[in-house]
Amino acid sequence: MFKPIDALPTAELPATLSIELEGRIVTASAGQTLATALLGAGVVPFRRTAVSSAPRAPLCLMGVCFDCLVEVDGAQNVQSCMVEVRQGMQVRLPTGARRVDATVSDTAGGAA
């Protein structure tokens, strides 16, 4: 489905990095976006919608559609198409609705 074009001579290839996707090691090239690294590793879908569980995967690859949301290093709802891979990045594919931290809901309630 998705595969990179091997247009660069091997001497010019970017460095290879390792990221962790839910306990699985995925290799990526330096300078590559997280979305393209995951697509290149055969990861589809990235998430499922909270209401209907419809599968979602990158559509625009430029930050407009929000279909590529993942969790990166504990931060939820990260647009993977807008993040460059870095060595040791921890990635999780979201399931269901976003988690709400107790500290966030306690302070968002308004005046006491």
Protein backbone atom coordinates (compact mmCIF):
# COMPACT_ATOMS: atom_id res chain seq x y z
CA MET A 1 0.00 0.00 0.00
CA PHE A 2 2.52 2.61 1.11
CA LYS A 3 6.19 2.29 0.32
CA PRO A 4 9.00 4.81 -0.01
CA ILE A 5 10.65 5.62 -3.31
CA ASP A 6 14.27 4.48 -3.31
CA ALA A 7 15.63 7.48 -5.19
CA LEU A 8 18.70 8.31 -3.08
CA PRO A 9 22.05 6.58 -3.54
CA THR A 10 22.93 4.53 -0.45
CA ALA A 11 25.67 7.01 0.54
CA GLU A 12 23.04 9.75 0.87
CA LEU A 13 20.43 7.80 2.85
CA PRO A 14 19.42 9.42 6.15
CA ALA A 15 20.27 7.80 9.48
CA THR A 16 17.99 5.06 10.75
CA LEU A 17 16.16 5.61 14.06
CA SER A 18 14.18 3.24 16.25
CA ILE A 19 10.81 4.10 17.75
CA GLU A 20 8.61 1.91 19.92
CA LEU A 21 5.03 1.26 18.88
CA GLU A 22 3.14 -0.51 21.68
CA GLY A 23 6.16 -2.65 22.54
CA ARG A 24 7.18 -3.28 18.92
CA ILE A 25 10.33 -1.68 17.47
CA VAL A 26 9.75 0.24 14.24
CA THR A 27 12.62 1.68 12.21
CA ALA A 28 12.35 5.06 10.53
CA SER A 29 14.61 7.48 8.71
CA ALA A 30 15.81 10.71 10.28
CA GLY A 31 13.67 13.59 9.02
CA GLN A 32 10.66 11.37 8.36
CA THR A 33 7.28 12.18 9.87
CA LEU A 34 5.81 9.77 12.37
CA ALA A 35 2.80 9.19 10.10
CA THR A 36 4.92 8.09 7.14
CA ALA A 37 7.09 5.90 9.40
CA LEU A 38 4.00 4.12 10.72
CA LEU A 39 2.50 3.75 7.24
CA GLY A 40 5.82 2.36 5.98
CA ALA A 41 5.72 -0.21 8.79
CA GLY A 42 2.25 -1.32 7.67
CA VAL A 43 0.35 0.25 10.56
CA VAL A 44 -3.26 0.85 9.49
CA PRO A 45 -5.59 1.97 10.99
CA PHE A 46 -3.97 4.42 13.42
CA ARG A 47 -7.10 4.73 15.53
CA ARG A 48 -10.84 4.07 15.63
CA THR A 49 -13.49 6.71 16.25
CA ALA A 50 -14.92 6.83 19.77
CA VAL A 51 -18.58 6.55 18.76
CA SER A 52 -18.74 4.12 15.82
CA SER A 53 -15.28 2.49 15.98
CA ALA A 54 -14.73 3.39 12.33
CA PRO A 55 -11.08 2.93 11.32
CA ARG A 56 -9.05 6.09 10.68
CA ALA A 57 -5.66 6.55 9.03
CA PRO A 58 -3.75 9.54 7.60
CA LEU A 59 -5.59 11.29 4.81
CA CYS A 60 -4.04 14.69 4.11
CA LEU A 61 -0.54 14.32 5.67
CA MET A 62 -0.45 18.09 6.24
CA GLY A 63 -2.25 18.61 9.54
CA VAL A 64 -5.75 19.41 8.32
CA CYS A 65 -7.82 16.22 8.74
CA PHE A 66 -6.82 14.95 12.25
CA ASP A 67 -7.21 11.32 11.13
CA CYS A 68 -3.61 10.49 12.08
CA LEU A 69 -3.95 11.12 15.83
CA VAL A 70 -1.76 8.95 18.08
CA GLU A 71 -0.28 9.11 21.56
CA VAL A 72 3.40 10.13 21.67
CA ASP A 73 5.44 9.86 24.87
CA GLY A 74 2.24 10.03 26.93
CA ALA A 75 0.77 13.05 25.10
CA GLN A 76 -2.64 12.25 23.60
CA ASN A 77 -4.10 13.38 20.27
CA VAL A 78 -0.80 14.17 18.57
CA GLN A 79 -1.02 14.69 14.81
CA SER A 80 1.53 12.14 13.63
CA CYS A 81 1.87 13.86 10.26
CA MET A 82 3.20 16.98 11.98
CA VAL A 83 5.81 15.27 14.19
CA GLU A 84 9.29 14.27 13.10
CA VAL A 85 10.47 10.89 14.40
CA ARG A 86 13.17 10.89 17.04
CA GLN A 87 15.18 8.09 18.57
CA GLY A 88 13.35 6.21 21.34
CA MET A 89 9.95 7.82 20.74
CA GLN A 90 7.15 5.88 22.50
CA VAL A 91 3.98 5.63 20.39
CA ARG A 92 0.56 4.19 21.24
CA LEU A 93 -2.48 3.88 19.01
CA PRO A 94 -5.53 5.38 20.76
CA THR A 95 -8.64 3.36 21.49
CA GLY A 96 -11.99 4.91 22.34
CA ALA A 97 -12.42 8.40 23.71
CA ARG A 98 -9.57 10.51 25.04
CA ARG A 99 -8.56 9.88 28.66
CA VAL A 100 -9.24 12.74 31.05
CA ASP A 101 -6.78 13.28 33.89
CA ALA A 102 -8.31 13.92 37.35
CA THR A 103 -6.30 17.12 37.73
CA VAL A 104 -7.73 18.52 34.50
CA SER A 105 -11.36 17.78 35.35
CA ASP A 106 -10.95 19.15 38.92
CA THR A 107 -9.71 22.54 37.68
CA ALA A 108 -12.04 22.84 34.69
CA GLY A 109 -15.24 22.90 36.75
CA GLY A 110 -15.28 26.62 37.44
CA ALA A 111 -15.40 28.67 40.64
CA ALA A 112 -16.10 27.03 44.00
